Protein backbone atom coordinates (compact mmCIF):
# COMPACT_ATOMS: atom_id res chain seq x y z
CA MET A 1 21.85 23.56 1.11
CA ARG A 2 18.30 24.02 2.45
CA GLN A 3 17.48 20.31 2.17
CA ALA A 4 20.60 19.31 4.11
CA THR A 5 19.74 21.80 6.86
CA LEU A 6 16.24 20.41 7.13
CA PHE A 7 17.62 16.89 7.28
CA SER A 8 19.98 17.74 10.14
CA ALA A 9 17.24 19.45 12.11
CA LEU A 10 14.80 16.61 11.66
CA LEU A 11 17.21 13.97 12.94
CA PHE A 12 16.70 15.29 16.47
CA SER A 13 13.01 14.38 16.33
CA ILE A 14 13.57 10.72 15.50
CA THR A 15 13.52 8.14 18.29
CA GLY A 16 15.88 5.23 18.54
CA CYS A 17 15.76 2.24 16.25
CA HIS A 18 14.69 -1.18 17.54
CA GLY A 19 15.81 -4.32 15.73
CA GLY A 20 17.54 -4.48 12.38
CA ALA A 21 15.92 -1.61 10.48
CA GLY A 22 18.01 1.20 9.07
CA GLN A 23 21.24 -0.70 8.37
CA ASN A 24 21.57 0.51 4.76
CA ALA A 25 22.73 3.92 3.59
CA CYS A 26 20.25 6.61 2.66
CA ASN A 27 19.82 7.02 -1.10
CA PRO A 28 18.28 10.32 -2.25
CA ASN A 29 18.10 9.05 -5.83
CA ASP A 30 15.99 6.01 -4.91
CA LEU A 31 12.46 7.30 -5.34
CA GLU A 32 10.87 3.86 -5.02
CA HIS A 33 11.85 3.16 -1.42
CA ARG A 34 10.24 6.12 0.29
CA ALA A 35 7.29 6.79 2.55
CA TYR A 36 5.50 10.14 2.34
CA ILE A 37 3.77 11.23 5.54
CA VAL A 38 1.01 13.84 5.29
CA SER A 39 0.18 15.88 8.41
CA ARG A 40 -3.36 17.15 8.84
CA ASP A 41 -2.70 20.03 11.25
CA SER A 42 0.38 21.50 9.56
CA ASP A 43 1.36 22.08 5.94
CA GLU A 44 4.06 19.40 6.06
CA VAL A 45 4.83 16.31 4.05
CA HIS A 46 7.74 14.37 5.53
CA VAL A 47 9.88 11.97 3.51
CA ILE A 48 11.19 8.76 5.09
CA ASP A 49 13.97 6.95 3.24
CA LEU A 50 13.09 3.27 3.72
CA ASN A 51 16.66 2.20 2.89
CA CYS A 52 18.14 3.76 6.02
CA MET A 53 14.91 4.41 7.98
CA GLU A 54 15.60 8.12 8.42
CA VAL A 55 13.61 11.27 7.69
CA THR A 56 15.46 12.92 4.80
CA GLY A 57 13.37 16.02 4.20
CA VAL A 58 10.13 17.89 4.55
CA SER A 59 8.01 19.85 2.09
CA HIS A 60 6.07 22.86 3.35
CA THR A 61 3.12 22.85 0.99
CA GLY A 62 1.40 26.01 2.20
CA GLY A 63 -1.83 24.01 2.38
CA GLN A 64 -4.35 23.60 5.18
CA ALA A 65 -5.97 20.39 6.41
CA LEU A 66 -3.85 18.22 4.14
CA HIS A 67 -5.58 14.92 3.50
CA MET A 68 -3.86 12.56 1.07
CA LEU A 69 -0.89 12.35 -1.30
CA GLU A 70 -0.66 10.53 -4.61
CA LEU A 71 2.35 10.19 -6.93
CA ASP A 72 2.61 10.65 -10.68
CA PRO A 73 3.58 7.55 -12.73
CA THR A 74 7.26 8.60 -12.87
CA LEU A 75 7.38 9.05 -9.06
CA GLN A 76 8.88 12.52 -9.70
CA TYR A 77 5.89 14.55 -8.52
CA ALA A 78 3.51 14.34 -5.59
CA PHE A 79 -0.05 15.64 -5.62
CA VAL A 80 -1.20 16.71 -2.14
CA ASP A 81 -4.84 17.53 -1.46
CA SER A 82 -5.33 20.62 0.70
CA SER A 83 -8.96 20.47 1.84
CA GLU A 84 -9.34 23.93 3.36
CA THR A 85 -7.64 25.86 0.53
CA ASN A 86 -9.56 23.93 -2.15
CA GLU A 87 -6.47 23.00 -4.10
CA THR A 88 -4.22 20.15 -5.07
CA VAL A 89 -0.58 21.10 -4.49
CA VAL A 90 2.08 19.68 -6.82
CA VAL A 91 5.49 19.01 -5.24
CA ASP A 92 8.77 18.04 -6.92
CA VAL A 93 9.84 15.08 -4.76
CA ARG A 94 13.57 15.65 -5.37
CA THR A 95 13.69 19.28 -4.32
CA LEU A 96 10.54 19.10 -2.14
CA GLN A 97 9.51 22.46 -3.58
CA VAL A 98 5.98 23.32 -4.65
CA THR A 99 5.83 23.65 -8.45
CA ARG A 100 2.12 24.23 -9.02
CA ARG A 101 -1.14 24.88 -7.15
CA LEU A 102 -4.25 23.54 -8.89
CA GLN A 103 -7.57 25.08 -7.87
CA THR A 104 -9.47 21.82 -8.14
CA GLY A 105 -12.64 22.69 -6.20
CA SER A 106 -14.30 22.58 -2.80
CA HIS A 107 -12.82 20.27 -0.18
CA PRO A 108 -10.57 17.90 -2.14
CA THR A 109 -9.67 14.81 -0.12
CA HIS A 110 -8.85 11.49 -1.77
CA ALA A 111 -6.76 11.05 -4.91
CA THR A 112 -6.29 7.96 -7.09
CA LEU A 113 -4.01 7.37 -10.07
CA SER A 114 -5.45 5.37 -12.98
CA HIS A 115 -3.75 2.09 -13.79
CA ASP A 116 -2.33 3.43 -17.06
CA GLY A 117 -0.95 6.50 -15.26
CA ARG A 118 -2.98 8.89 -17.41
CA TYR A 119 -5.35 10.44 -14.91
CA LEU A 120 -5.32 11.45 -11.30
CA ALA A 121 -8.88 11.51 -9.95
CA VAL A 122 -9.53 13.81 -6.97
CA VAL A 123 -12.86 13.77 -5.15
CA LEU A 124 -14.29 17.22 -4.38
CA GLU A 125 -16.62 16.51 -1.50
CA GLY A 126 -17.89 20.07 -1.20
CA ASP A 127 -18.83 20.30 -4.90
CA ASP A 128 -20.26 16.78 -5.37
CA ALA A 129 -17.75 16.50 -8.19
CA VAL A 130 -14.58 14.71 -9.28
CA ALA A 131 -11.56 16.51 -10.76
CA PHE A 132 -9.53 14.68 -13.41
CA ILE A 133 -5.91 15.81 -13.65
CA ASP A 134 -3.54 14.84 -16.45
CA ALA A 135 -0.79 13.12 -14.47
CA HIS A 136 1.85 13.91 -17.11
CA THR A 137 1.16 17.59 -17.75
CA ARG A 138 -0.10 18.16 -14.20
CA GLU A 139 -3.02 20.19 -15.51
CA MET A 140 -6.68 19.75 -14.61
CA VAL A 141 -8.58 18.55 -17.67
CA LYS A 142 -12.13 18.20 -16.34
CA LYS A 143 -14.34 18.79 -13.33
CA LEU A 144 -17.19 16.28 -13.48
CA PRO A 145 -20.33 16.94 -11.37
CA GLY A 146 -23.22 14.62 -10.54
CA PHE A 147 -22.25 12.76 -7.37
CA LYS A 148 -23.53 12.58 -3.80
CA THR A 149 -20.47 13.52 -1.75
CA PRO A 150 -17.93 11.44 -3.68
CA HIS A 151 -15.49 9.79 -1.30
CA PHE A 152 -13.15 7.67 -3.43
CA VAL A 153 -12.53 6.80 -7.08
CA ARG A 154 -11.38 3.31 -8.04
CA PHE A 155 -10.29 2.13 -11.49
CA ALA A 156 -11.37 -1.19 -13.00
CA PRO A 157 -8.66 -3.50 -14.40
CA ASP A 158 -10.15 -3.13 -17.90
CA GLY A 159 -8.89 0.48 -18.05
CA HIS A 160 -12.18 1.78 -19.45
CA PHE A 161 -14.24 2.55 -16.36
CA ALA A 162 -13.89 4.10 -12.94
CA TYR A 163 -16.30 3.64 -10.03
CA VAL A 164 -17.02 6.41 -7.55
CA ALA A 165 -18.22 5.74 -4.01
CA ASN A 166 -20.89 8.20 -2.83
CA ILE A 167 -20.80 8.45 0.95
CA ASN A 168 -24.19 10.17 1.03
CA GLY A 169 -25.81 7.90 -1.53
CA ASN A 170 -27.19 4.42 -2.11
CA HIS A 171 -25.27 3.88 -5.32
CA LEU A 172 -21.87 3.84 -6.96
CA THR A 173 -21.32 5.96 -10.06
CA GLN A 174 -19.70 4.54 -13.20
CA VAL A 175 -17.48 6.92 -15.22
CA ASN A 176 -16.27 6.20 -18.74
CA LEU A 177 -12.57 7.06 -18.90
CA ASP A 178 -12.59 7.69 -22.65
CA SER A 179 -15.23 10.41 -22.47
CA LEU A 180 -14.87 11.35 -18.77
CA GLU A 181 -18.65 11.23 -18.51
CA ILE A 182 -21.00 9.43 -16.13
CA THR A 183 -22.38 6.36 -17.91
CA GLY A 184 -24.32 4.55 -15.20
CA GLU A 185 -24.99 3.63 -11.60
CA VAL A 186 -24.61 0.47 -9.56
CA ALA A 187 -27.35 0.69 -6.97
CA LEU A 188 -27.88 -0.97 -3.64
CA ASP A 189 -31.09 -2.98 -3.33
CA GLY A 190 -33.69 -0.57 -1.98
CA LYS A 191 -32.00 2.47 -3.47
CA GLU A 192 -35.06 4.65 -2.83
CA GLN A 193 -34.58 4.74 0.95
CA PRO A 194 -33.15 7.99 2.42
CA VAL A 195 -29.50 7.96 3.48
CA SER A 196 -28.28 9.31 6.80
CA GLU A 197 -25.22 11.59 6.91
CA GLU A 198 -22.23 9.54 5.69
CA GLY A 199 -24.45 6.46 5.69
CA GLY A 200 -23.52 5.42 2.16
CA PHE A 201 -20.33 4.10 0.55
CA ALA A 202 -16.92 5.29 1.81
CA ASP A 203 -14.98 3.36 -0.86
CA ALA A 204 -15.48 0.81 -3.62
CA GLN A 205 -12.31 -1.25 -3.70
CA ILE A 206 -11.69 -3.65 -6.57
CA ASP A 207 -9.97 -7.03 -6.28
CA GLN A 208 -7.33 -6.71 -9.00
CA VAL A 209 -7.17 -10.50 -9.52
CA SER A 210 -10.86 -11.06 -10.23
CA GLY A 211 -12.04 -7.55 -11.06
CA VAL A 212 -14.82 -7.88 -8.47
CA LEU A 213 -15.72 -4.68 -6.64
CA TYR A 214 -16.76 -4.59 -2.97
CA ALA A 215 -18.45 -1.55 -1.40
CA ALA A 216 -19.73 -1.49 2.17
CA HIS A 217 -22.91 0.51 2.80
CA ALA A 218 -22.76 1.89 6.34
CA GLN A 219 -26.45 2.48 6.96
CA THR A 220 -27.74 -0.94 5.94
CA GLY A 221 -24.80 -3.12 6.97
CA ARG A 222 -24.64 -4.65 3.49
CA VAL A 223 -21.84 -5.02 0.97
CA LEU A 224 -22.55 -4.33 -2.68
CA VAL A 225 -20.65 -6.78 -4.92
CA TYR A 226 -20.16 -6.03 -8.61
CA ASP A 227 -18.18 -7.83 -11.33
CA THR A 228 -16.47 -5.02 -13.25
CA VAL A 229 -15.37 -7.44 -16.00
CA ALA A 230 -18.84 -8.78 -16.82
CA GLN A 231 -20.41 -5.48 -15.64
CA LYS A 232 -22.87 -7.50 -13.59
CA LYS A 233 -24.08 -7.03 -10.06
CA LEU A 234 -23.68 -10.05 -7.77
CA ALA A 235 -25.59 -10.93 -4.60
CA GLU A 236 -25.21 -8.44 -1.76
CA LEU A 237 -23.61 -9.60 1.49
CA ALA A 238 -24.76 -8.92 5.05
CA VAL A 239 -21.93 -8.00 7.45
CA GLY A 240 -21.81 -6.22 10.83
CA LYS A 241 -23.26 -2.89 11.96
CA ARG A 242 -22.04 0.27 10.19
CA PRO A 243 -19.34 -1.32 8.02
CA TRP A 244 -16.64 1.05 6.81
CA ILE A 245 -14.60 -0.20 3.83
CA VAL A 246 -13.97 -3.65 2.37
CA TYR A 247 -10.18 -3.64 2.01
CA ALA A 248 -10.02 -5.60 -1.24
CA GLU A 249 -7.56 -3.54 -3.31
CA HIS A 250 -3.82 -4.05 -2.92
CA PRO A 251 -0.88 -5.03 -5.16
CA PHE A 252 -0.12 -8.42 -3.57
CA ALA A 253 -1.11 -11.39 -5.74
CA THR A 254 -0.01 -14.02 -3.21
CA VAL A 255 -2.03 -12.73 -0.26
CA SER A 256 -4.91 -14.95 0.85
CA ARG A 257 -8.09 -14.27 -1.16
CA ARG A 258 -9.91 -13.09 1.95
CA HIS A 259 -10.84 -9.44 2.50
CA LEU A 260 -11.68 -7.74 5.79
CA VAL A 261 -14.29 -5.07 6.45
CA PRO A 262 -14.31 -3.35 9.88
CA ASN A 263 -17.78 -2.77 11.31
CA PHE A 264 -17.87 0.36 13.47
CA GLY A 265 -21.29 -0.28 15.01
CA ASP A 266 -20.40 -3.52 16.79
CA GLN A 267 -16.58 -3.20 16.81
CA SER A 268 -16.16 -6.30 14.69
CA ALA A 269 -14.53 -7.25 11.40
CA SER A 270 -16.10 -9.52 8.81
CA ILE A 271 -13.93 -11.81 6.68
CA LEU A 272 -15.12 -12.11 3.08
CA ASN A 273 -14.25 -14.96 0.75
CA ALA A 274 -13.01 -13.46 -2.51
CA SER A 275 -12.80 -16.80 -4.33
CA ALA A 276 -16.59 -17.18 -4.13
CA PRO A 277 -18.03 -13.97 -2.66
CA GLY A 278 -19.52 -14.65 0.76
CA VAL A 279 -19.07 -13.92 4.47
CA LEU A 280 -16.90 -16.48 6.24
CA LYS A 281 -16.89 -15.14 9.78
CA THR A 282 -17.30 -11.98 11.85
CA LEU A 283 -14.85 -11.46 14.72
CA ALA A 284 -14.78 -9.01 17.66
CA VAL A 285 -11.35 -7.62 16.71
CA ALA A 286 -12.01 -4.00 15.63
CA ASP A 287 -13.26 -0.79 17.26
CA ASP A 288 -15.65 2.02 16.35
CA GLU A 289 -13.02 3.78 14.22
CA SER A 290 -10.93 1.07 12.57
CA TYR A 291 -9.93 3.14 9.56
CA GLY A 292 -7.61 0.71 7.83
CA VAL A 293 -6.65 -2.88 7.08
CA ASN A 294 -3.25 -3.81 5.64
CA TYR A 295 -1.88 -6.96 4.07
CA SER A 296 1.59 -8.30 3.22
CA PRO A 297 2.85 -11.11 0.96
CA LEU A 298 5.33 -11.98 3.74
CA ALA A 299 2.37 -12.72 6.01
CA PRO A 300 -0.13 -13.89 3.37
CA HIS A 301 -2.70 -15.23 5.84
CA GLU A 302 -2.80 -12.19 8.09
CA ALA A 303 -4.60 -8.87 8.11
CA PHE A 304 -3.47 -5.85 10.16
CA VAL A 305 -6.42 -3.84 11.50
CA MET A 306 -5.81 -0.21 12.50
CA ASN A 307 -7.82 0.11 15.74
CA ARG A 308 -7.79 3.85 16.26
CA ASN A 309 -9.42 4.24 19.67
CA LYS A 310 -7.90 1.09 21.14
CA LYS A 311 -4.49 2.52 20.18
CA GLU A 312 -3.35 -0.72 18.63
CA ILE A 313 -3.02 -2.77 15.49
CA ALA A 314 -4.88 -6.07 15.69
CA VAL A 315 -3.40 -8.94 13.67
CA VAL A 316 -6.04 -11.35 12.37
CA ASN A 317 -5.21 -14.77 10.96
CA THR A 318 -7.47 -15.04 7.93
CA ASP A 319 -6.76 -18.76 7.58
CA ASP A 320 -7.99 -19.97 10.98
CA MET A 321 -10.06 -16.76 11.38
CA LYS A 322 -8.82 -15.87 14.86
CA LEU A 323 -7.08 -12.93 16.51
CA ALA A 324 -3.35 -13.61 16.36
CA GLU A 325 -1.89 -10.63 18.22
CA ARG A 326 -2.43 -7.05 19.33
CA ILE A 327 0.37 -4.55 18.67
CA PRO A 328 0.15 -1.51 21.00
CA VAL A 329 1.21 1.77 19.37
CA GLY A 330 0.55 4.27 22.17
CA GLY A 331 -1.88 6.54 20.33
CA THR A 332 -4.62 6.79 17.74
CA THR A 333 -3.87 5.00 14.48
CA GLU A 334 -5.20 6.66 11.36
CA THR A 335 -4.03 4.92 8.18
CA ALA A 336 -1.07 2.84 7.04
CA SER A 337 0.73 1.72 3.91
CA THR A 338 2.50 -1.55 3.19
CA THR A 339 5.79 -1.38 1.30
CA ALA A 340 5.88 -2.86 -2.20
CA ASP A 341 7.91 -5.86 -1.05
CA GLY A 342 5.61 -6.41 1.93
CA LYS A 343 8.39 -6.10 4.49
CA TYR A 344 7.07 -3.12 6.43
CA ILE A 345 3.77 -1.57 7.42
CA VAL A 346 4.15 2.16 8.04
CA ALA A 347 1.34 3.57 10.17
CA THR A 348 0.49 7.07 11.41
CA VAL A 349 -0.23 7.53 15.13
CA SER A 350 -1.86 10.93 15.10
CA SER A 351 -2.52 11.78 18.75
CA ILE A 352 1.16 11.59 19.69
CA ASN A 353 2.59 12.91 16.39
CA GLN A 354 4.34 9.67 15.59
CA VAL A 355 4.80 7.16 12.78
CA VAL A 356 5.57 3.51 13.51
CA VAL A 357 7.24 1.01 11.21
CA ILE A 358 6.21 -2.59 11.79
CA ASP A 359 7.94 -5.69 10.47
CA ALA A 360 5.06 -7.57 8.85
CA ALA A 361 6.59 -11.00 9.41
CA THR A 362 7.52 -10.59 13.10
CA HIS A 363 4.86 -8.01 14.13
CA LYS A 364 7.59 -5.98 15.85
CA VAL A 365 7.80 -2.19 15.86
CA VAL A 366 11.27 -1.67 14.40
CA LYS A 367 11.30 2.13 14.22
CA THR A 368 9.37 5.07 15.62
CA PHE A 369 9.47 8.61 14.25
CA THR A 370 8.16 11.78 15.90
CA LEU A 371 7.18 14.25 13.19
CA GLY A 372 4.58 16.70 11.97
CA LYS A 373 1.34 17.79 13.55
CA TYR A 374 -1.29 15.08 13.55
CA PRO A 375 0.24 12.76 10.94
CA TRP A 376 -2.71 11.54 8.93
CA SER A 377 -1.91 9.48 5.85
CA VAL A 378 0.94 7.47 4.32
CA THR A 379 1.83 6.91 0.67
CA ILE A 380 4.50 4.43 -0.48
CA PRO A 381 5.37 3.97 -4.16
CA ASN A 382 3.75 0.78 -5.50
CA GLY A 383 2.58 -0.12 -2.00
CA GLN A 384 -0.86 -0.64 -0.50
CA ASN A 385 -2.18 2.90 -0.22
CA TYR A 386 -5.57 4.13 0.93
CA CYS A 387 -7.09 6.83 3.15
CA HIS A 388 -10.14 7.40 5.33
């Protein structure tokens, strides 16, 4: 079989295992315990079976400049955004064959599944639009214009509204999910000022416990805070220089109610208090391209900062607000995903074509894979998933 041949060939590219990972048997029918690795400079999506910690297959999507992968609610299909072919590629995750190619629009990048599993929202940065795909029929139902380089779509816990971050704007855009129409804006104070290239909002992550949205505005160094339940803007917060994203959205209810935002301009990270929105402390623990922050319920008072240019992952204790450890990874980190149980953080290391698996409790690298060309993003079912 083709899949078995691919599996055998790929085993030669995997480095040795360190520690106790990979003791269980691989299970091709277990679609929940997988990691999908998207490569930017090839058309490949690699599948890692997290039961046995082995690469068990690869899908050749035929795309170019792949950016991010999202799964349908049944975990049977993957949607892969191919930025340079202007399409979202649909892959059957069991056969790893392409089943459909959706011409979504110019430069699709980030994809988000609504909480009810109805819609997949894909930002079309080149069209200033968002494509809404029916996640069940895998058909595009609407292309909605009216944004300023949309960069991410996030869904409020109420199920009625989505909020779109405009990376070339001073506002977030509210979309009604019943009509799929724009119904309002949430503007930064001083909205009239011009925005530099990518000086706006890269993301607008929503704390799923409180429903409070946090969006860092790069140009001003401020964080817009908005209560999506009351639909009321709260006081803005001042953080460091050129903040990237407030990493407030994840599936872990027992993680400390403190969110980190890396600040590229001064290579710091600010710790925000989610219980009563405010800035607790800013620490010199990031770099000028810290594109991710991960959390785990097995380390509830820690945050894992992906320091791309320092070629490390910095572990920050959010309780005593100090640097706990630096984990060297040997190359440029891009993004990471935390497994649903919090046991592992799976991170791409693009410059050396590797993926590292870190035990969240011990901070040890327990497995290293060599795969793909410039591995870029990671998606794990029901895990903490994001992109840059």
